[in-house]
PDB file of N, CA and C in Angstrom:
ATOM      1  N   MET A   1     108.751 108.819 104.448  1.00  0.00           N
ATOM      2  CA  MET A   1     108.101 108.107 103.359  1.00  0.00           C
ATOM      3  C   MET A   1     106.675 107.777 103.761  1.00  0.00           C
ATOM      4  N   TYR A   2     105.786 107.888 102.834  1.00  0.00           N
ATOM      5  CA  TYR A   2     104.368 107.642 103.064  1.00  0.00           C
ATOM      6  C   TYR A   2     104.036 106.216 102.630  1.00  0.00           C
ATOM      7  N   ASN A   3     103.504 105.407 103.534  1.00  0.00           N
ATOM      8  CA  ASN A   3     103.247 104.000 103.254  1.00  0.00           C
ATOM      9  C   ASN A   3     101.766 103.709 103.459  1.00  0.00           C
ATOM     10  N   LEU A   4     101.097 103.277 102.430  1.00  0.00           N
ATOM     11  CA  LEU A   4      99.663 103.009 102.491  1.00  0.00           C
ATOM     12  C   LEU A   4      99.319 101.931 103.504  1.00  0.00           C
ATOM     13  N   THR A   5     100.167 100.931 103.667  1.00  0.00           N
ATOM     14  CA  THR A   5      99.852  99.826 104.571  1.00  0.00           C
ATOM     15  C   THR A   5      99.921 100.224 106.039  1.00  0.00           C
ATOM     16  N   THR A   6     100.547 101.353 106.356  1.00  0.00           N
ATOM     17  CA  THR A   6     100.653 101.760 107.751  1.00  0.00           C
ATOM     18  C   THR A   6      99.878 103.035 108.072  1.00  0.00           C
ATOM     19  N   THR A   7      99.132 103.566 107.129  1.00  0.00           N
ATOM     20  CA  THR A   7      98.396 104.808 107.357  1.00  0.00           C
ATOM     21  C   THR A   7      96.947 104.516 107.753  1.00  0.00           C
ATOM     22  N   THR A   8      96.270 105.551 108.181  1.00  0.00           N
ATOM     23  CA  THR A   8      94.848 105.431 108.507  1.00  0.00           C
ATOM     24  C   THR A   8      94.023 105.942 107.334  1.00  0.00           C
ATOM     25  N   GLU A   9      92.782 105.549 107.311  1.00  0.00           N
ATOM     26  CA  GLU A   9      91.894 105.983 106.234  1.00  0.00           C
ATOM     27  C   GLU A   9      91.747 107.501 106.230  1.00  0.00           C
ATOM     28  N   SER A  10      91.550 108.095 107.389  1.00  0.00           N
ATOM     29  CA  SER A  10      91.360 109.548 107.456  1.00  0.00           C
ATOM     30  C   SER A  10      92.620 110.297 107.004  1.00  0.00           C
ATOM     31  N   ARG A  11      93.794 109.799 107.368  1.00  0.00           N
ATOM     32  CA  ARG A  11      95.031 110.449 106.943  1.00  0.00           C
ATOM     33  C   ARG A  11      95.215 110.331 105.432  1.00  0.00           C
ATOM     34  N   PHE A  12      94.902 109.173 104.879  1.00  0.00           N
ATOM     35  CA  PHE A  12      95.023 108.985 103.438  1.00  0.00           C
ATOM     36  C   PHE A  12      94.100 109.940 102.693  1.00  0.00           C
ATOM     37  N   ILE A  13      92.858 110.056 103.144  1.00  0.00           N
ATOM     38  CA  ILE A  13      91.901 110.951 102.500  1.00  0.00           C
ATOM     39  C   ILE A  13      92.385 112.398 102.597  1.00  0.00           C
ATOM     40  N   ARG A  14      92.887 112.777 103.763  1.00  0.00           N
ATOM     41  CA  ARG A  14      93.396 114.135 103.950  1.00  0.00           C
ATOM     42  C   ARG A  14      94.566 114.409 102.995  1.00  0.00           C
ATOM     43  N   LYS A  15      95.505 113.473 102.915  1.00  0.00           N
ATOM     44  CA  LYS A  15      96.659 113.643 102.034  1.00  0.00           C
ATOM     45  C   LYS A  15      96.243 113.661 100.559  1.00  0.00           C
ATOM     46  N   LEU A  16      95.287 112.838 100.184  1.00  0.00           N
ATOM     47  CA  LEU A  16      94.792 112.812  98.810  1.00  0.00           C
ATOM     48  C   LEU A  16      94.130 114.139  98.469  1.00  0.00           C
ATOM     49  N   ASP A  17      93.341 114.667  99.386  1.00  0.00           N
ATOM     50  CA  ASP A  17      92.701 115.962  99.163  1.00  0.00           C
ATOM     51  C   ASP A  17      93.731 117.085  99.063  1.00  0.00           C
ATOM     52  N   GLU A  18      94.760 117.037  99.911  1.00  0.00           N
ATOM     53  CA  GLU A  18      95.833 118.036  99.851  1.00  0.00           C
ATOM     54  C   GLU A  18      96.553 117.974  98.505  1.00  0.00           C
ATOM     55  N   TRP A  19      96.835 116.754  98.046  1.00  0.00           N
ATOM     56  CA  TRP A  19      97.493 116.579  96.758  1.00  0.00           C
ATOM     57  C   TRP A  19      96.642 117.180  95.642  1.00  0.00           C
ATOM     58  N   TYR A  20      95.345 116.902  95.677  1.00  0.00           N
ATOM     59  CA  TYR A  20      94.466 117.386  94.614  1.00  0.00           C
ATOM     60  C   TYR A  20      94.385 118.909  94.606  1.00  0.00           C
ATOM     61  N   LYS A  21      94.354 119.522  95.784  1.00  0.00           N
ATOM     62  CA  LYS A  21      94.311 120.989  95.844  1.00  0.00           C
ATOM     63  C   LYS A  21      95.550 121.593  95.181  1.00  0.00           C
ATOM     64  N   ILE A  22      96.691 120.962  95.373  1.00  0.00           N
ATOM     65  CA  ILE A  22      97.941 121.460  94.782  1.00  0.00           C
ATOM     66  C   ILE A  22      97.946 121.260  93.262  1.00  0.00           C
ATOM     67  N   TYR A  23      97.506 120.101  92.796  1.00  0.00           N
ATOM     68  CA  TYR A  23      97.638 119.725  91.387  1.00  0.00           C
ATOM     69  C   TYR A  23      96.335 119.743  90.596  1.00  0.00           C
ATOM     70  N   GLU A  24      95.282 120.329  91.146  1.00  0.00           N
ATOM     71  CA  GLU A  24      93.992 120.329  90.459  1.00  0.00           C
ATOM     72  C   GLU A  24      94.075 120.970  89.070  1.00  0.00           C
ATOM     73  N   ASP A  25      94.686 122.131  88.990  1.00  0.00           N
ATOM     74  CA  ASP A  25      94.793 122.803  87.684  1.00  0.00           C
ATOM     75  C   ASP A  25      95.557 121.947  86.681  1.00  0.00           C
ATOM     76  N   PHE A  26      96.613 121.306  87.136  1.00  0.00           N
ATOM     77  CA  PHE A  26      97.415 120.452  86.265  1.00  0.00           C
ATOM     78  C   PHE A  26      96.605 119.252  85.772  1.00  0.00           C
ATOM     79  N   THR A  27      95.883 118.581  86.681  1.00  0.00           N
ATOM     80  CA  THR A  27      95.132 117.382  86.285  1.00  0.00           C
ATOM     81  C   THR A  27      93.953 117.708  85.378  1.00  0.00           C
ATOM     82  N   GLU A  28      93.466 118.938  85.448  1.00  0.00           N
ATOM     83  CA  GLU A  28      92.302 119.318  84.640  1.00  0.00           C
ATOM     84  C   GLU A  28      92.676 120.035  83.338  1.00  0.00           C
ATOM     85  N   GLU A  29      93.969 120.117  83.026  1.00  0.00           N
ATOM     86  CA  GLU A  29      94.393 120.789  81.783  1.00  0.00           C
ATOM     87  C   GLU A  29      93.787 120.102  80.564  1.00  0.00           C
ATOM     88  N   LEU A  30      93.365 120.909  79.629  1.00  0.00           N
ATOM     89  CA  LEU A  30      92.801 120.397  78.389  1.00  0.00           C
ATOM     90  C   LEU A  30      93.708 120.761  77.224  1.00  0.00           C
ATOM     91  N   THR A  31      93.687 119.924  76.214  1.00  0.00           N
ATOM     92  CA  THR A  31      94.419 120.162  74.979  1.00  0.00           C
ATOM     93  C   THR A  31      93.395 120.199  73.851  1.00  0.00           C
ATOM     94  N   VAL A  32      93.600 121.098  72.927  1.00  0.00           N
ATOM     95  CA  VAL A  32      92.694 121.215  71.779  1.00  0.00           C
ATOM     96  C   VAL A  32      93.379 120.653  70.549  1.00  0.00           C
ATOM     97  N   ASN A  33      92.695 119.745  69.883  1.00  0.00           N
ATOM     98  CA  ASN A  33      93.188 119.207  68.619  1.00  0.00           C
ATOM     99  C   ASN A  33      93.058 120.315  67.567  1.00  0.00           C
ATOM    100  N   PRO A  34      94.168 120.760  66.987  1.00  0.00           N
ATOM    101  CA  PRO A  34      94.106 121.880  66.042  1.00  0.00           C
ATOM    102  C   PRO A  34      93.329 121.560  64.758  1.00  0.00           C
ATOM    103  N   ILE A  35      93.227 120.299  64.429  1.00  0.00           N
ATOM    104  CA  ILE A  35      92.532 119.919  63.194  1.00  0.00           C
ATOM    105  C   ILE A  35      91.022 119.852  63.407  1.00  0.00           C
ATOM    106  N   THR A  36      90.610 119.151  64.484  1.00  0.00           N
ATOM    107  CA  THR A  36      89.177 118.961  64.718  1.00  0.00           C
ATOM    108  C   THR A  36      88.581 119.983  65.666  1.00  0.00           C
ATOM    109  N   GLY A  37      89.440 120.626  66.473  1.00  0.00           N
ATOM    110  CA  GLY A  37      88.944 121.581  67.459  1.00  0.00           C
ATOM    111  C   GLY A  37      88.400 120.905  68.706  1.00  0.00           C
ATOM    112  N   GLU A  38      88.541 119.593  68.773  1.00  0.00           N
ATOM    113  CA  GLU A  38      88.030 118.818  69.910  1.00  0.00           C
ATOM    114  C   GLU A  38      88.964 118.962  71.114  1.00  0.00           C
ATOM    115  N   CYS A  39      88.365 119.126  72.297  1.00  0.00           N
ATOM    116  CA  CYS A  39      89.139 119.220  73.536  1.00  0.00           C
ATOM    117  C   CYS A  39      89.243 117.834  74.179  1.00  0.00           C
ATOM    118  N   PHE A  40      90.397 117.566  74.759  1.00  0.00           N
ATOM    119  CA  PHE A  40      90.559 116.333  75.518  1.00  0.00           C
ATOM    120  C   PHE A  40      91.514 116.579  76.665  1.00  0.00           C
ATOM    121  N   CYS A  41      91.436 115.719  77.656  1.00  0.00           N
ATOM    122  CA  CYS A  41      92.247 115.859  78.858  1.00  0.00           C
ATOM    123  C   CYS A  41      93.713 115.592  78.528  1.00  0.00           C
ATOM    124  N   LYS A  42      94.582 116.505  78.938  1.00  0.00           N
ATOM    125  CA  LYS A  42      96.007 116.405  78.636  1.00  0.00           C
ATOM    126  C   LYS A  42      96.689 115.316  79.462  1.00  0.00           C
ATOM    127  N   HIS A  43      96.249 115.123  80.699  1.00  0.00           N
ATOM    128  CA  HIS A  43      96.861 114.149  81.616  1.00  0.00           C
ATOM    129  C   HIS A  43      95.810 113.102  82.012  1.00  0.00           C
ATOM    130  N   GLN A  44      95.312 112.407  81.020  1.00  0.00           N
ATOM    131  CA  GLN A  44      94.181 111.497  81.211  1.00  0.00           C
ATOM    132  C   GLN A  44      94.478 110.375  82.209  1.00  0.00           C
ATOM    133  N   LYS A  45      95.655 109.784  82.153  1.00  0.00           N
ATOM    134  CA  LYS A  45      95.971 108.670  83.053  1.00  0.00           C
ATOM    135  C   LYS A  45      96.085 109.126  84.504  1.00  0.00           C
ATOM    136  N   LEU A  46      96.685 110.281  84.724  1.00  0.00           N
ATOM    137  CA  LEU A  46      96.782 110.830  86.077  1.00  0.00           C
ATOM    138  C   LEU A  46      95.398 111.155  86.619  1.00  0.00           C
ATOM    139  N   ARG A  47      94.592 111.773  85.796  1.00  0.00           N
ATOM    140  CA  ARG A  47      93.222 112.117  86.198  1.00  0.00           C
ATOM    141  C   ARG A  47      92.411 110.856  86.497  1.00  0.00           C
ATOM    142  N   ALA A  48      92.567 109.831  85.670  1.00  0.00           N
ATOM    143  CA  ALA A  48      91.852 108.572  85.877  1.00  0.00           C
ATOM    144  C   ALA A  48      92.297 107.887  87.169  1.00  0.00           C
ATOM    145  N   ALA A  49      93.596 107.934  87.463  1.00  0.00           N
ATOM    146  CA  ALA A  49      94.102 107.323  88.696  1.00  0.00           C
ATOM    147  C   ALA A  49      93.529 108.026  89.920  1.00  0.00           C
ATOM    148  N   TYR A  50      93.510 109.351  89.899  1.00  0.00           N
ATOM    149  CA  TYR A  50      92.943 110.105  91.025  1.00  0.00           C
ATOM    150  C   TYR A  50      91.465 109.796  91.193  1.00  0.00           C
ATOM    151  N   ARG A  51      90.729 109.824  90.109  1.00  0.00           N
ATOM    152  CA  ARG A  51      89.283 109.559  90.191  1.00  0.00           C
ATOM    153  C   ARG A  51      88.987 108.129  90.627  1.00  0.00           C
ATOM    154  N   SER A  52      89.831 107.201  90.250  1.00  0.00           N
ATOM    155  CA  SER A  52      89.669 105.818  90.685  1.00  0.00           C
ATOM    156  C   SER A  52      89.863 105.709  92.196  1.00  0.00           C
ATOM    157  N   LEU A  53      90.887 106.376  92.722  1.00  0.00           N
ATOM    158  CA  LEU A  53      91.098 106.381  94.175  1.00  0.00           C
ATOM    159  C   LEU A  53      89.897 106.976  94.886  1.00  0.00           C
ATOM    160  N   ARG A  54      89.393 108.112  94.405  1.00  0.00           N
ATOM    161  CA  ARG A  54      88.254 108.763  95.047  1.00  0.00           C
ATOM    162  C   ARG A  54      87.016 107.870  94.990  1.00  0.00           C
ATOM    163  N   ALA A  55      86.790 107.226  93.858  1.00  0.00           N
ATOM    164  CA  ALA A  55      85.592 106.402  93.690  1.00  0.00           C
ATOM    165  C   ALA A  55      85.641 105.130  94.526  1.00  0.00           C
ATOM    166  N   ASN A  56      86.841 104.636  94.809  1.00  0.00           N
ATOM    167  CA  ASN A  56      86.974 103.361  95.510  1.00  0.00           C
ATOM    168  C   ASN A  56      87.483 103.485  96.943  1.00  0.00           C
ATOM    169  N   LEU A  57      87.426 104.690  97.509  1.00  0.00           N
ATOM    170  CA  LEU A  57      87.916 104.889  98.873  1.00  0.00           C
ATOM    171  C   LEU A  57      87.222 103.980  99.886  1.00  0.00           C
ATOM    172  N   SER A  58      85.951 103.706  99.676  1.00  0.00           N
ATOM    173  CA  SER A  58      85.221 102.873 100.634  1.00  0.00           C
ATOM    174  C   SER A  58      85.747 101.432 100.670  1.00  0.00           C
ATOM    175  N   TYR A  59      86.439 101.005  99.621  1.00  0.00           N
ATOM    176  CA  TYR A  59      86.981  99.647  99.572  1.00  0.00           C
ATOM    177  C   TYR A  59      88.468  99.577  99.924  1.00  0.00           C
ATOM    178  N   LEU A  60      89.152 100.697  99.831  1.00  0.00           N
ATOM    179  CA  LEU A  60      90.600 100.722  99.966  1.00  0.00           C
ATOM    180  C   LEU A  60      91.089 100.254 101.336  1.00  0.00           C
ATOM    181  N   PHE A  61      90.349 100.532 102.375  1.00  0.00           N
ATOM    182  CA  PHE A  61      90.774 100.179 103.732  1.00  0.00           C
ATOM    183  C   PHE A  61      89.936  99.034 104.315  1.00  0.00           C
ATOM    184  N   THR A  62      89.383  98.205 103.471  1.00  0.00           N
ATOM    185  CA  THR A  62      88.575  97.075 103.928  1.00  0.00           C
ATOM    186  C   THR A  62      89.378  96.167 104.843  1.00  0.00           C
ATOM    187  N   TYR A  63      90.648  95.953 104.535  1.00  0.00           N
ATOM    188  CA  TYR A  63      91.481  95.069 105.358  1.00  0.00           C
ATOM    189  C   TYR A  63      91.641  95.599 106.773  1.00  0.00           C
ATOM    190  N   LYS A  64      91.522  96.898 106.971  1.00  0.00           N
ATOM    191  CA  LYS A  64      91.617  97.464 108.322  1.00  0.00           C
ATOM    192  C   LYS A  64      90.256  97.566 108.997  1.00  0.00           C
ATOM    193  N   ASN A  65      89.223  97.821 108.224  1.00  0.00           N
ATOM    194  CA  ASN A  65      87.883  97.994 108.789  1.00  0.00           C
ATOM    195  C   ASN A  65      87.236  96.676 109.191  1.00  0.00           C
ATOM    196  N   PHE A  66      87.669  95.574 108.602  1.00  0.00           N
ATOM    197  CA  PHE A  66      87.111  94.251 108.912  1.00  0.00           C
ATOM    198  C   PHE A  66      88.252  93.303 109.275  1.00  0.00           C
ATOM    199  N   LYS A  67      88.898  93.576 110.379  1.00  0.00           N
ATOM    200  CA  LYS A  67      90.067  92.785 110.804  1.00  0.00           C
ATOM    201  C   LYS A  67      89.732  91.315 111.035  1.00  0.00           C
ATOM    202  N   ASP A  68      88.490  91.019 111.414  1.00  0.00           N
ATOM    203  CA  ASP A  68      88.101  89.630 111.665  1.00  0.00           C
ATOM    204  C   ASP A  68      88.118  88.775 110.402  1.00  0.00           C
ATOM    205  N   LEU A  69      88.158  89.382 109.223  1.00  0.00           N
ATOM    206  CA  LEU A  69      88.213  88.632 107.968  1.00  0.00           C
ATOM    207  C   LEU A  69      89.633  88.231 107.585  1.00  0.00           C
ATOM    208  N   SER A  70      90.631  88.768 108.279  1.00  0.00           N
ATOM    209  CA  SER A  70      92.048  88.462 108.023  1.00  0.00           C
ATOM    210  C   SER A  70      92.441  88.693 106.564  1.00  0.00           C
ATOM    211  N   ILE A  71      92.080  89.835 106.051  1.00  0.00           N
ATOM    212  CA  ILE A  71      92.420  90.195 104.679  1.00  0.00           C
ATOM    213  C   ILE A  71      93.838  90.754 104.661  1.00  0.00           C
ATOM    214  N   ALA A  72      94.652  90.290 103.725  1.00  0.00           N
ATOM    215  CA  ALA A  72      96.026  90.782 103.611  1.00  0.00           C
ATOM    216  C   ALA A  72      96.027  92.228 103.129  1.00  0.00           C
ATOM    217  N   ASN A  73      97.038  92.983 103.536  1.00  0.00           N
ATOM    218  CA  ASN A  73      97.116  94.385 103.122  1.00  0.00           C
ATOM    219  C   ASN A  73      97.920  94.572 101.834  1.00  0.00           C
ATOM    220  N   THR A  74      98.430  93.503 101.261  1.00  0.00           N
ATOM    221  CA  THR A  74      99.133  93.560  99.980  1.00  0.00           C
ATOM    222  C   THR A  74      98.704  92.362  99.130  1.00  0.00           C
ATOM    223  N   THR A  75      99.158  92.326  97.887  1.00  0.00           N
ATOM    224  CA  THR A  75      98.861  91.192  97.004  1.00  0.00           C
ATOM    225  C   THR A  75     100.051  90.252  96.899  1.00  0.00           C
ATOM    226  N   ASN A  76     101.005  90.344  97.808  1.00  0.00           N
ATOM    227  CA  ASN A  76     102.202  89.506  97.748  1.00  0.00           C
ATOM    228  C   ASN A  76     101.869  88.018  97.735  1.00  0.00           C
ATOM    229  N   ASN A  77     100.857  87.604  98.475  1.00  0.00           N
ATOM    230  CA  ASN A  77     100.471  86.187  98.505  1.00  0.00           C
ATOM    231  C   ASN A  77     100.037  85.711  97.119  1.00  0.00           C
ATOM    232  N   LEU A  78      99.351  86.557  96.392  1.00  0.00           N
ATOM    233  CA  LEU A  78      98.897  86.191  95.051  1.00  0.00           C
ATOM    234  C   LEU A  78     100.061  86.113  94.076  1.00  0.00           C
ATOM    235  N   ASP A  79     100.966  87.061  94.164  1.00  0.00           N
ATOM    236  CA  ASP A  79     102.092  87.116  93.227  1.00  0.00           C
ATOM    237  C   ASP A  79     103.016  85.913  93.369  1.00  0.00           C
ATOM    238  N   GLY A  80     103.251  85.460  94.584  1.00  0.00           N
ATOM    239  CA  GLY A  80     104.184  84.367  94.795  1.00  0.00           C
ATOM    240  C   GLY A  80     103.555  82.987  94.753  1.00  0.00           C
ATOM    241  N   GLY A  81     102.267  82.886  94.998  1.00  0.00           N
ATOM    242  CA  GLY A  81     101.662  81.569  95.087  1.00  0.00           C
ATOM    243  C   GLY A  81     100.611  81.300  94.034  1.00  0.00           C
ATOM    244  N   THR A  82      99.541  82.046  94.059  1.00  0.00           N
ATOM    245  CA  THR A  82      98.401  81.779  93.196  1.00  0.00           C
ATOM    246  C   THR A  82      98.724  81.970  91.721  1.00  0.00           C
ATOM    247  N   PHE A  83      99.428  83.036  91.375  1.00  0.00           N
ATOM    248  CA  PHE A  83      99.668  83.352  89.977  1.00  0.00           C
ATOM    249  C   PHE A  83     100.992  82.821  89.422  1.00  0.00           C
ATOM    250  N   SER A  84     101.851  82.269  90.260  1.00  0.00           N
ATOM    251  CA  SER A  84     103.145  81.817  89.753  1.00  0.00           C
ATOM    252  C   SER A  84     103.044  80.704  88.713  1.00  0.00           C
ATOM    253  N   PRO A  85     102.125  79.744  88.808  1.00  0.00           N
ATOM    254  CA  PRO A  85     102.003  78.755  87.733  1.00  0.00           C
ATOM    255  C   PRO A  85     101.595  79.395  86.394  1.00  0.00           C
ATOM    256  N   MET A  86     100.801  80.454  86.460  1.00  0.00           N
ATOM    257  CA  MET A  86     100.397  81.149  85.237  1.00  0.00           C
ATOM    258  C   MET A  86     101.587  81.843  84.592  1.00  0.00           C
ATOM    259  N   LYS A  87     102.464  82.395  85.416  1.00  0.00           N
ATOM    260  CA  LYS A  87     103.653  83.086  84.904  1.00  0.00           C
ATOM    261  C   LYS A  87     104.566  82.118  84.170  1.00  0.00           C
ATOM    262  N   LYS A  88     104.664  80.876  84.668  1.00  0.00           N
ATOM    263  CA  LYS A  88     105.541  79.892  84.055  1.00  0.00           C
ATOM    264  C   LYS A  88     105.047  79.468  82.682  1.00  0.00           C
ATOM    265  N   ARG A  89     103.757  79.527  82.469  1.00  0.00           N
ATOM    266  CA  ARG A  89     103.170  79.136  81.173  1.00  0.00           C
ATOM    267  C   ARG A  89     103.468  80.213  80.181  1.00  0.00           C
TER     268      ARG A  89
END
């Protein structure tokens, strides 16, 4: 199993690039609206998720690159403490 919290930045980038090479054609598929003739991305959410990861890679491993800041590697602290009063409302 692949776990983001235990991987390295270089391994994650390598695996992401490998994934994209395999699924590039799939993520870039276009669909044509038969009425308007307009083209749009068939798998827009998947494509957006991949592009978001690529665009934010410099921030993704901040918790490992700046260990002196003691940044948590998950949002569990927020889910159980900070946001729980909001959930009750």
